[in-house]
Amino acid sequence: MVREAIGEYFQAQKAASEPAYKAELAEERRKREQLERRLNDLAQETERARQRAEEAERSSAIRTELQKLGVAKVDLAFRAVKDDVVRNEQGRLVVRDSSGEIEVRDYLARFVQENPELLPARVTGGAGASINQRPNLASAQIDLDSIRPGMDPAELDRVRKEISRLAQSGA
């Protein structure tokens, strides 16, 4: 009888404490799942940030190389070649084509040679006479702020002559 009473007592204690254990277990499971979701979100955000940084570095390297090659329309050239450039297993930027991997520098140099319209316009000089576009020394000495009432008559005459010369030349 004592054994029965003790057995019943333990069963009652177990039954009373079991919902508390279950509730605590459920709470711990919820916390663990929440932390796992947060950890996964952080891992995904880290991966996205790494990809953005890699893309920015790749874009910067391509643009810098295009500028070194003297390309005037860097944005246009960049848009044309950006999809061809990839990172190989060693981490270098390369272009893959039918002949294998080509260094970005070599590929861009070839691309610029094939597309000379991306380079600045050439200055065409000739053997003929050129027009002198340098200002006359006298005009360089005239300061508009120095023209004022009561100025020296010789200086005023020089300013008037320069103004009439400029008006006659059409400048």
N, C-alpha and C. Protein backbone atom coordinates (compact mmCIF):
# COMPACT_ATOMS: atom_id res chain seq x y z
N MET A 1 0.80 -1.16 0.00
CA MET A 1 0.00 0.00 0.00
C MET A 1 0.86 1.26 0.00
N VAL A 2 1.89 1.25 0.80
CA VAL A 2 2.80 2.39 0.84
C VAL A 2 3.43 2.56 -0.54
N ARG A 3 3.77 1.44 -1.16
CA ARG A 3 4.37 1.52 -2.49
C ARG A 3 3.39 2.11 -3.49
N GLU A 4 2.17 1.72 -3.38
CA GLU A 4 1.16 2.27 -4.27
C GLU A 4 1.02 3.77 -4.07
N ALA A 5 0.98 4.18 -2.83
CA ALA A 5 0.84 5.60 -2.51
C ALA A 5 2.05 6.38 -3.04
N ILE A 6 3.22 5.81 -2.87
CA ILE A 6 4.43 6.47 -3.37
C ILE A 6 4.41 6.51 -4.88
N GLY A 7 4.00 5.44 -5.53
CA GLY A 7 3.91 5.39 -6.99
C GLY A 7 2.91 6.40 -7.52
N GLU A 8 1.75 6.50 -6.84
CA GLU A 8 0.75 7.48 -7.25
C GLU A 8 1.29 8.90 -7.08
N TYR A 9 2.01 9.11 -5.97
CA TYR A 9 2.57 10.45 -5.71
C TYR A 9 3.56 10.85 -6.83
N PHE A 10 4.45 9.92 -7.21
CA PHE A 10 5.41 10.22 -8.27
C PHE A 10 4.72 10.46 -9.61
N GLN A 11 3.69 9.69 -9.88
CA GLN A 11 2.95 9.89 -11.12
C GLN A 11 2.26 11.25 -11.12
N ALA A 12 1.71 11.64 -10.02
CA ALA A 12 1.05 12.95 -9.91
C ALA A 12 2.08 14.07 -10.09
N GLN A 13 3.23 13.91 -9.47
CA GLN A 13 4.30 14.91 -9.61
C GLN A 13 4.77 14.99 -11.06
N LYS A 14 4.92 13.84 -11.68
CA LYS A 14 5.36 13.79 -13.07
C LYS A 14 4.32 14.44 -13.98
N ALA A 15 3.07 14.14 -13.75
CA ALA A 15 1.98 14.71 -14.55
C ALA A 15 1.90 16.22 -14.34
N ALA A 16 2.17 16.69 -13.15
CA ALA A 16 2.10 18.13 -12.86
C ALA A 16 3.29 18.87 -13.47
N SER A 17 4.46 18.25 -13.46
CA SER A 17 5.65 18.92 -13.97
C SER A 17 5.81 18.77 -15.48
N GLU A 18 5.16 17.79 -16.08
CA GLU A 18 5.30 17.53 -17.51
C GLU A 18 4.83 18.70 -18.38
N PRO A 19 3.70 19.37 -18.15
CA PRO A 19 3.31 20.52 -18.97
C PRO A 19 4.33 21.66 -18.89
N ALA A 20 4.93 21.84 -17.73
CA ALA A 20 5.94 22.89 -17.58
C ALA A 20 7.16 22.55 -18.43
N TYR A 21 7.58 21.29 -18.44
CA TYR A 21 8.71 20.87 -19.27
C TYR A 21 8.39 21.04 -20.74
N LYS A 22 7.17 20.65 -21.11
CA LYS A 22 6.77 20.79 -22.50
C LYS A 22 6.75 22.25 -22.94
N ALA A 23 6.24 23.11 -22.09
CA ALA A 23 6.18 24.54 -22.41
C ALA A 23 7.60 25.11 -22.53
N GLU A 24 8.47 24.72 -21.61
CA GLU A 24 9.86 25.19 -21.65
C GLU A 24 10.57 24.67 -22.90
N LEU A 25 10.29 23.42 -23.24
CA LEU A 25 10.88 22.82 -24.44
C LEU A 25 10.39 23.54 -25.69
N ALA A 26 9.10 23.84 -25.76
CA ALA A 26 8.53 24.55 -26.90
C ALA A 26 9.14 25.96 -27.01
N GLU A 27 9.31 26.62 -25.90
CA GLU A 27 9.92 27.97 -25.89
C GLU A 27 11.36 27.92 -26.38
N GLU A 28 12.12 26.94 -25.92
CA GLU A 28 13.50 26.79 -26.37
C GLU A 28 13.57 26.47 -27.87
N ARG A 29 12.66 25.63 -28.34
CA ARG A 29 12.61 25.30 -29.77
C ARG A 29 12.30 26.56 -30.59
N ARG A 30 11.35 27.38 -30.12
CA ARG A 30 11.00 28.61 -30.82
C ARG A 30 12.19 29.58 -30.88
N LYS A 31 12.89 29.72 -29.76
CA LYS A 31 14.07 30.58 -29.73
C LYS A 31 15.16 30.07 -30.68
N ARG A 32 15.37 28.76 -30.67
CA ARG A 32 16.39 28.17 -31.54
C ARG A 32 16.05 28.39 -33.01
N GLU A 33 14.79 28.18 -33.38
CA GLU A 33 14.37 28.39 -34.76
C GLU A 33 14.50 29.86 -35.17
N GLN A 34 14.16 30.75 -34.24
CA GLN A 34 14.29 32.18 -34.52
C GLN A 34 15.76 32.55 -34.73
N LEU A 35 16.65 32.03 -33.91
CA LEU A 35 18.07 32.30 -34.07
C LEU A 35 18.61 31.70 -35.37
N GLU A 36 18.14 30.51 -35.74
CA GLU A 36 18.57 29.91 -37.00
C GLU A 36 18.13 30.75 -38.19
N ARG A 37 16.88 31.26 -38.14
CA ARG A 37 16.41 32.13 -39.23
C ARG A 37 17.25 33.39 -39.30
N ARG A 38 17.54 33.98 -38.17
CA ARG A 38 18.37 35.21 -38.13
C ARG A 38 19.77 34.92 -38.67
N LEU A 39 20.32 33.79 -38.31
CA LEU A 39 21.64 33.40 -38.79
C LEU A 39 21.64 33.22 -40.30
N ASN A 40 20.59 32.57 -40.81
CA ASN A 40 20.48 32.38 -42.26
C ASN A 40 20.31 33.72 -42.98
N ASP A 41 19.52 34.62 -42.40
CA ASP A 41 19.35 35.96 -43.00
C ASP A 41 20.67 36.72 -43.05
N LEU A 42 21.42 36.64 -41.96
CA LEU A 42 22.72 37.31 -41.92
C LEU A 42 23.70 36.69 -42.92
N ALA A 43 23.65 35.39 -43.07
CA ALA A 43 24.54 34.73 -44.04
C ALA A 43 24.18 35.16 -45.46
N GLN A 44 22.89 35.25 -45.75
CA GLN A 44 22.46 35.70 -47.07
C GLN A 44 22.86 37.15 -47.31
N GLU A 45 22.69 38.01 -46.31
CA GLU A 45 23.06 39.42 -46.45
C GLU A 45 24.56 39.57 -46.65
N THR A 46 25.33 38.76 -45.94
CA THR A 46 26.79 38.78 -46.11
C THR A 46 27.16 38.37 -47.52
N GLU A 47 26.51 37.36 -48.04
CA GLU A 47 26.79 36.90 -49.41
C GLU A 47 26.43 37.97 -50.42
N ARG A 48 25.28 38.64 -50.23
CA ARG A 48 24.89 39.72 -51.14
C ARG A 48 25.89 40.88 -51.08
N ALA A 49 26.34 41.22 -49.89
CA ALA A 49 27.32 42.31 -49.74
C ALA A 49 28.64 41.93 -50.40
N ARG A 50 29.05 40.68 -50.25
CA ARG A 50 30.29 40.22 -50.89
C ARG A 50 30.17 40.29 -52.40
N GLN A 51 29.01 39.88 -52.94
CA GLN A 51 28.80 39.94 -54.38
C GLN A 51 28.80 41.38 -54.88
N ARG A 52 28.16 42.30 -54.12
CA ARG A 52 28.16 43.71 -54.51
C ARG A 52 29.57 44.28 -54.50
N ALA A 53 30.35 43.93 -53.48
CA ALA A 53 31.73 44.42 -53.39
C ALA A 53 32.57 43.86 -54.54
N GLU A 54 32.38 42.60 -54.87
CA GLU A 54 33.11 41.99 -55.98
C GLU A 54 32.73 42.65 -57.30
N GLU A 55 31.44 42.92 -57.49
CA GLU A 55 30.97 43.57 -58.71
C GLU A 55 31.53 45.00 -58.81
N ALA A 56 31.56 45.71 -57.69
CA ALA A 56 32.12 47.06 -57.69
C ALA A 56 33.61 47.04 -58.02
N GLU A 57 34.33 46.08 -57.47
CA GLU A 57 35.77 45.97 -57.74
C GLU A 57 36.00 45.61 -59.21
N ARG A 58 35.18 44.71 -59.74
CA ARG A 58 35.30 44.30 -61.14
C ARG A 58 35.01 45.49 -62.06
N SER A 59 33.95 46.22 -61.76
CA SER A 59 33.59 47.40 -62.57
C SER A 59 34.70 48.45 -62.52
N SER A 60 35.22 48.66 -61.34
CA SER A 60 36.28 49.65 -61.18
C SER A 60 37.53 49.24 -61.96
N ALA A 61 37.88 47.98 -61.91
CA ALA A 61 39.07 47.50 -62.63
C ALA A 61 38.89 47.66 -64.15
N ILE A 62 37.70 47.34 -64.65
CA ILE A 62 37.45 47.47 -66.09
C ILE A 62 37.49 48.93 -66.50
N ARG A 63 36.82 49.80 -65.74
CA ARG A 63 36.80 51.24 -66.07
C ARG A 63 38.21 51.84 -66.02
N THR A 64 38.98 51.45 -65.02
CA THR A 64 40.34 51.96 -64.89
C THR A 64 41.18 51.55 -66.09
N GLU A 65 41.06 50.32 -66.50
CA GLU A 65 41.83 49.83 -67.65
C GLU A 65 41.41 50.55 -68.92
N LEU A 66 40.11 50.79 -69.08
CA LEU A 66 39.64 51.52 -70.26
C LEU A 66 40.19 52.95 -70.27
N GLN A 67 40.24 53.57 -69.10
CA GLN A 67 40.80 54.92 -69.02
C GLN A 67 42.29 54.91 -69.35
N LYS A 68 43.01 53.89 -68.88
CA LYS A 68 44.44 53.79 -69.20
C LYS A 68 44.67 53.66 -70.69
N LEU A 69 43.72 53.01 -71.38
CA LEU A 69 43.85 52.82 -72.82
C LEU A 69 43.43 54.07 -73.59
N GLY A 70 42.99 55.09 -72.90
CA GLY A 70 42.66 56.37 -73.53
C GLY A 70 41.26 56.44 -74.12
N VAL A 71 40.37 55.61 -73.64
CA VAL A 71 39.01 55.61 -74.16
C VAL A 71 38.29 56.87 -73.67
N ALA A 72 37.67 57.60 -74.61
CA ALA A 72 36.95 58.81 -74.26
C ALA A 72 35.55 58.48 -73.75
N LYS A 73 34.93 57.46 -74.30
CA LYS A 73 33.56 57.08 -73.93
C LYS A 73 33.62 55.84 -73.05
N VAL A 74 34.09 56.02 -71.81
CA VAL A 74 34.32 54.90 -70.90
C VAL A 74 33.02 54.17 -70.59
N ASP A 75 31.94 54.91 -70.33
CA ASP A 75 30.68 54.25 -69.98
C ASP A 75 30.15 53.39 -71.11
N LEU A 76 30.25 53.88 -72.31
CA LEU A 76 29.78 53.12 -73.47
C LEU A 76 30.61 51.85 -73.65
N ALA A 77 31.92 51.98 -73.56
CA ALA A 77 32.80 50.82 -73.70
C ALA A 77 32.58 49.84 -72.55
N PHE A 78 32.38 50.35 -71.35
CA PHE A 78 32.15 49.49 -70.19
C PHE A 78 30.89 48.65 -70.38
N ARG A 79 29.82 49.28 -70.82
CA ARG A 79 28.58 48.54 -71.03
C ARG A 79 28.75 47.46 -72.10
N ALA A 80 29.61 47.71 -73.06
CA ALA A 80 29.81 46.75 -74.14
C ALA A 80 30.60 45.52 -73.68
N VAL A 81 31.51 45.68 -72.72
CA VAL A 81 32.39 44.57 -72.34
C VAL A 81 32.11 43.98 -70.97
N LYS A 82 31.29 44.61 -70.15
CA LYS A 82 31.15 44.18 -68.75
C LYS A 82 30.66 42.74 -68.61
N ASP A 83 29.81 42.28 -69.50
CA ASP A 83 29.28 40.92 -69.38
C ASP A 83 30.28 39.85 -69.80
N ASP A 84 31.32 40.25 -70.55
CA ASP A 84 32.32 39.29 -71.01
C ASP A 84 33.36 38.98 -69.94
N VAL A 85 33.55 39.89 -69.00
CA VAL A 85 34.61 39.76 -68.00
C VAL A 85 34.10 38.96 -66.80
N VAL A 86 34.86 37.93 -66.43
CA VAL A 86 34.53 37.08 -65.29
C VAL A 86 35.78 36.87 -64.43
N ARG A 87 35.58 36.34 -63.24
CA ARG A 87 36.70 36.04 -62.35
C ARG A 87 37.00 34.55 -62.45
N ASN A 88 38.29 34.21 -62.65
CA ASN A 88 38.64 32.79 -62.76
C ASN A 88 38.90 32.19 -61.37
N GLU A 89 39.33 30.94 -61.33
CA GLU A 89 39.52 30.24 -60.07
C GLU A 89 40.60 30.88 -59.19
N GLN A 90 41.60 31.50 -59.84
CA GLN A 90 42.67 32.16 -59.09
C GLN A 90 42.26 33.55 -58.62
N GLY A 91 41.09 34.02 -59.02
CA GLY A 91 40.61 35.33 -58.58
C GLY A 91 40.96 36.45 -59.54
N ARG A 92 41.58 36.15 -60.68
CA ARG A 92 41.94 37.18 -61.66
C ARG A 92 40.77 37.43 -62.60
N LEU A 93 40.69 38.66 -63.11
CA LEU A 93 39.66 38.99 -64.09
C LEU A 93 40.12 38.57 -65.47
N VAL A 94 39.31 37.77 -66.13
CA VAL A 94 39.65 37.25 -67.45
C VAL A 94 38.41 37.27 -68.34
N VAL A 95 38.65 37.03 -69.62
CA VAL A 95 37.56 36.88 -70.59
C VAL A 95 37.73 35.49 -71.19
N ARG A 96 36.65 34.73 -71.18
CA ARG A 96 36.70 33.38 -71.75
C ARG A 96 36.13 33.44 -73.16
N ASP A 97 36.90 32.91 -74.08
CA ASP A 97 36.42 32.81 -75.46
C ASP A 97 36.82 31.44 -76.02
N SER A 98 36.69 31.26 -77.31
CA SER A 98 36.96 29.96 -77.91
C SER A 98 38.41 29.52 -77.77
N SER A 99 39.32 30.49 -77.63
CA SER A 99 40.74 30.15 -77.50
C SER A 99 41.18 29.98 -76.05
N GLY A 100 40.27 30.12 -75.12
CA GLY A 100 40.62 29.96 -73.71
C GLY A 100 40.41 31.26 -72.95
N GLU A 101 41.23 31.44 -71.91
CA GLU A 101 41.11 32.63 -71.08
C GLU A 101 42.09 33.69 -71.56
N ILE A 102 41.61 34.92 -71.63
CA ILE A 102 42.44 36.06 -72.04
C ILE A 102 42.44 37.06 -70.89
N GLU A 103 43.60 37.62 -70.58
CA GLU A 103 43.68 38.66 -69.56
C GLU A 103 42.81 39.84 -69.96
N VAL A 104 42.21 40.50 -68.98
CA VAL A 104 41.33 41.63 -69.25
C VAL A 104 42.08 42.73 -70.00
N ARG A 105 43.30 42.99 -69.59
CA ARG A 105 44.08 44.06 -70.22
C ARG A 105 44.24 43.82 -71.72
N ASP A 106 44.59 42.58 -72.08
CA ASP A 106 44.78 42.24 -73.49
C ASP A 106 43.46 42.31 -74.26
N TYR A 107 42.40 41.80 -73.64
CA TYR A 107 41.09 41.82 -74.28
C TYR A 107 40.62 43.25 -74.54
N LEU A 108 40.78 44.11 -73.52
CA LEU A 108 40.33 45.50 -73.68
C LEU A 108 41.18 46.24 -74.71
N ALA A 109 42.47 45.96 -74.76
CA ALA A 109 43.32 46.60 -75.76
C ALA A 109 42.87 46.20 -77.16
N ARG A 110 42.57 44.92 -77.34
CA ARG A 110 42.07 44.46 -78.64
C ARG A 110 40.70 45.08 -78.95
N PHE A 111 39.85 45.17 -77.95
CA PHE A 111 38.52 45.75 -78.14
C PHE A 111 38.62 47.21 -78.57
N VAL A 112 39.53 47.96 -77.94
CA VAL A 112 39.70 49.37 -78.29
C VAL A 112 40.27 49.51 -79.69
N GLN A 113 41.18 48.63 -80.08
CA GLN A 113 41.72 48.67 -81.45
C GLN A 113 40.64 48.37 -82.48
N GLU A 114 39.75 47.45 -82.14
CA GLU A 114 38.66 47.11 -83.06
C GLU A 114 37.57 48.17 -83.10
N ASN A 115 37.51 49.02 -82.09
CA ASN A 115 36.47 50.06 -81.99
C ASN A 115 37.11 51.43 -81.78
N PRO A 116 37.77 51.98 -82.79
CA PRO A 116 38.47 53.26 -82.62
C PRO A 116 37.51 54.43 -82.36
N GLU A 117 36.23 54.26 -82.60
CA GLU A 117 35.29 55.34 -82.34
C GLU A 117 35.17 55.65 -80.85
N LEU A 118 35.67 54.78 -79.99
CA LEU A 118 35.64 55.02 -78.56
C LEU A 118 36.78 55.93 -78.11
N LEU A 119 37.79 56.08 -78.97
CA LEU A 119 38.94 56.92 -78.64
C LEU A 119 38.61 58.38 -78.92
N PRO A 120 39.35 59.32 -78.33
CA PRO A 120 39.10 60.73 -78.62
C PRO A 120 39.39 61.03 -80.09
N ALA A 121 38.70 62.03 -80.61
CA ALA A 121 38.90 62.40 -82.01
C ALA A 121 40.33 62.87 -82.22
N ARG A 122 40.89 62.52 -83.35
CA ARG A 122 42.25 62.94 -83.66
C ARG A 122 42.24 64.38 -84.14
N VAL A 123 43.27 65.10 -83.79
CA VAL A 123 43.42 66.48 -84.26
C VAL A 123 44.08 66.40 -85.63
N THR A 124 43.36 66.88 -86.63
CA THR A 124 43.90 66.82 -87.98
C THR A 124 44.65 68.10 -88.26
N GLY A 125 45.91 67.98 -88.44
CA GLY A 125 46.75 69.13 -88.78
C GLY A 125 47.13 69.03 -90.24
N GLY A 126 47.44 70.14 -90.82
CA GLY A 126 47.82 70.12 -92.22
C GLY A 126 49.12 70.86 -92.42
N ALA A 127 49.60 70.86 -93.68
CA ALA A 127 50.83 71.56 -94.00
C ALA A 127 50.57 73.02 -94.33
N GLY A 128 49.31 73.39 -94.44
CA GLY A 128 48.95 74.76 -94.79
C GLY A 128 49.11 75.71 -93.62
N ALA A 129 48.78 76.96 -93.89
CA ALA A 129 48.88 77.98 -92.85
C ALA A 129 47.78 77.77 -91.82
N SER A 130 48.12 78.04 -90.60
CA SER A 130 47.12 77.90 -89.55
C SER A 130 46.70 79.28 -89.06
N ILE A 131 45.51 79.34 -88.53
CA ILE A 131 44.99 80.61 -88.03
C ILE A 131 45.50 80.80 -86.62
N ASN A 132 46.05 81.95 -86.35
CA ASN A 132 46.57 82.25 -85.03
C ASN A 132 45.41 82.63 -84.12
N GLN A 133 45.20 81.84 -83.11
CA GLN A 133 44.08 82.08 -82.20
C GLN A 133 44.53 82.72 -80.89
N ARG A 134 45.83 83.09 -80.78
CA ARG A 134 46.31 83.68 -79.54
C ARG A 134 45.88 85.13 -79.45
N PRO A 135 45.49 85.59 -78.27
CA PRO A 135 45.08 86.98 -78.14
C PRO A 135 46.27 87.92 -78.27
N ASN A 136 46.01 89.09 -78.76
CA ASN A 136 47.03 90.12 -78.90
C ASN A 136 47.47 90.55 -77.51
N LEU A 137 48.72 90.90 -77.36
CA LEU A 137 49.22 91.32 -76.05
C LEU A 137 48.49 92.55 -75.54
N ALA A 138 48.11 93.45 -76.45
CA ALA A 138 47.42 94.66 -76.02
C ALA A 138 46.07 94.32 -75.41
N SER A 139 45.38 93.33 -76.01
CA SER A 139 44.07 92.98 -75.47
C SER A 139 44.21 92.27 -74.13
N ALA A 140 45.32 91.58 -73.94
CA ALA A 140 45.53 90.91 -72.68
C ALA A 140 45.79 91.91 -71.57
N GLN A 141 46.22 93.13 -71.94
CA GLN A 141 46.54 94.13 -70.92
C GLN A 141 45.33 94.98 -70.55
N ILE A 142 44.24 94.87 -71.26
CA ILE A 142 43.06 95.66 -70.95
C ILE A 142 42.26 94.93 -69.88
N ASP A 143 41.98 95.67 -68.84
CA ASP A 143 41.18 95.13 -67.76
C ASP A 143 39.89 95.93 -67.70
N LEU A 144 38.77 95.25 -67.87
CA LEU A 144 37.49 95.95 -67.88
C LEU A 144 37.22 96.69 -66.58
N ASP A 145 37.75 96.18 -65.49
CA ASP A 145 37.55 96.85 -64.20
C ASP A 145 38.33 98.16 -64.10
N SER A 146 39.36 98.31 -64.96
CA SER A 146 40.16 99.55 -64.89
C SER A 146 39.51 100.69 -65.70
N ILE A 147 38.49 100.40 -66.51
CA ILE A 147 37.81 101.46 -67.27
C ILE A 147 36.85 102.15 -66.31
N ARG A 148 37.11 103.48 -66.14
CA ARG A 148 36.29 104.24 -65.20
C ARG A 148 36.34 105.71 -65.59
N PRO A 149 35.41 106.50 -65.12
CA PRO A 149 35.43 107.94 -65.42
C PRO A 149 36.67 108.59 -64.80
N GLY A 150 37.24 109.51 -65.54
CA GLY A 150 38.39 110.26 -65.03
C GLY A 150 39.69 109.52 -65.16
N MET A 151 39.76 108.44 -66.01
CA MET A 151 41.01 107.73 -66.16
C MET A 151 41.97 108.51 -67.07
N ASP A 152 43.21 108.15 -67.08
CA ASP A 152 44.26 108.82 -67.86
C ASP A 152 43.84 108.87 -69.33
N PRO A 153 43.92 110.03 -70.01
CA PRO A 153 43.50 110.14 -71.40
C PRO A 153 44.29 109.22 -72.33
N ALA A 154 45.56 108.99 -72.10
CA ALA A 154 46.36 108.11 -72.95
C ALA A 154 45.86 106.66 -72.80
N GLU A 155 45.58 106.27 -71.58
CA GLU A 155 45.06 104.92 -71.33
C GLU A 155 43.67 104.77 -71.93
N LEU A 156 42.83 105.79 -71.83
CA LEU A 156 41.49 105.77 -72.40
C LEU A 156 41.56 105.64 -73.92
N ASP A 157 42.52 106.35 -74.55
CA ASP A 157 42.69 106.27 -76.00
C ASP A 157 43.12 104.86 -76.41
N ARG A 158 44.03 104.27 -75.66
CA ARG A 158 44.48 102.90 -75.95
C ARG A 158 43.33 101.91 -75.83
N VAL A 159 42.48 102.04 -74.83
CA VAL A 159 41.32 101.16 -74.64
C VAL A 159 40.36 101.33 -75.81
N ARG A 160 40.10 102.58 -76.24
CA ARG A 160 39.18 102.83 -77.36
C ARG A 160 39.71 102.18 -78.64
N LYS A 161 41.02 102.31 -78.89
CA LYS A 161 41.61 101.71 -80.08
C LYS A 161 41.48 100.19 -80.05
N GLU A 162 41.70 99.60 -78.90
CA GLU A 162 41.59 98.14 -78.79
C GLU A 162 40.15 97.69 -79.01
N ILE A 163 39.20 98.44 -78.48
CA ILE A 163 37.79 98.09 -78.67
C ILE A 163 37.41 98.20 -80.14
N SER A 164 37.87 99.24 -80.82
CA SER A 164 37.54 99.39 -82.24
C SER A 164 38.23 98.30 -83.07
N ARG A 165 39.45 97.92 -82.69
CA ARG A 165 40.14 96.84 -83.40
C ARG A 165 39.37 95.53 -83.24
N LEU A 166 38.90 95.23 -82.05
CA LEU A 166 38.13 94.01 -81.82
C LEU A 166 36.80 94.04 -82.57
N ALA A 167 36.18 95.21 -82.64
CA ALA A 167 34.90 95.33 -83.35
C ALA A 167 35.10 95.12 -84.85
N GLN A 168 36.21 95.60 -85.40
CA GLN A 168 36.46 95.46 -86.84
C GLN A 168 36.85 94.01 -87.18
N SER A 169 37.54 93.34 -86.28
CA SER A 169 37.95 91.96 -86.58
C SER A 169 36.81 90.97 -86.37
N GLY A 170 35.75 91.40 -85.75
CA GLY A 170 34.58 90.53 -85.56
C GLY A 170 34.71 89.61 -84.38
N ALA A 171 35.60 89.84 -83.50
CA ALA A 171 35.81 88.98 -82.35
C ALA A 171 34.85 89.24 -81.27
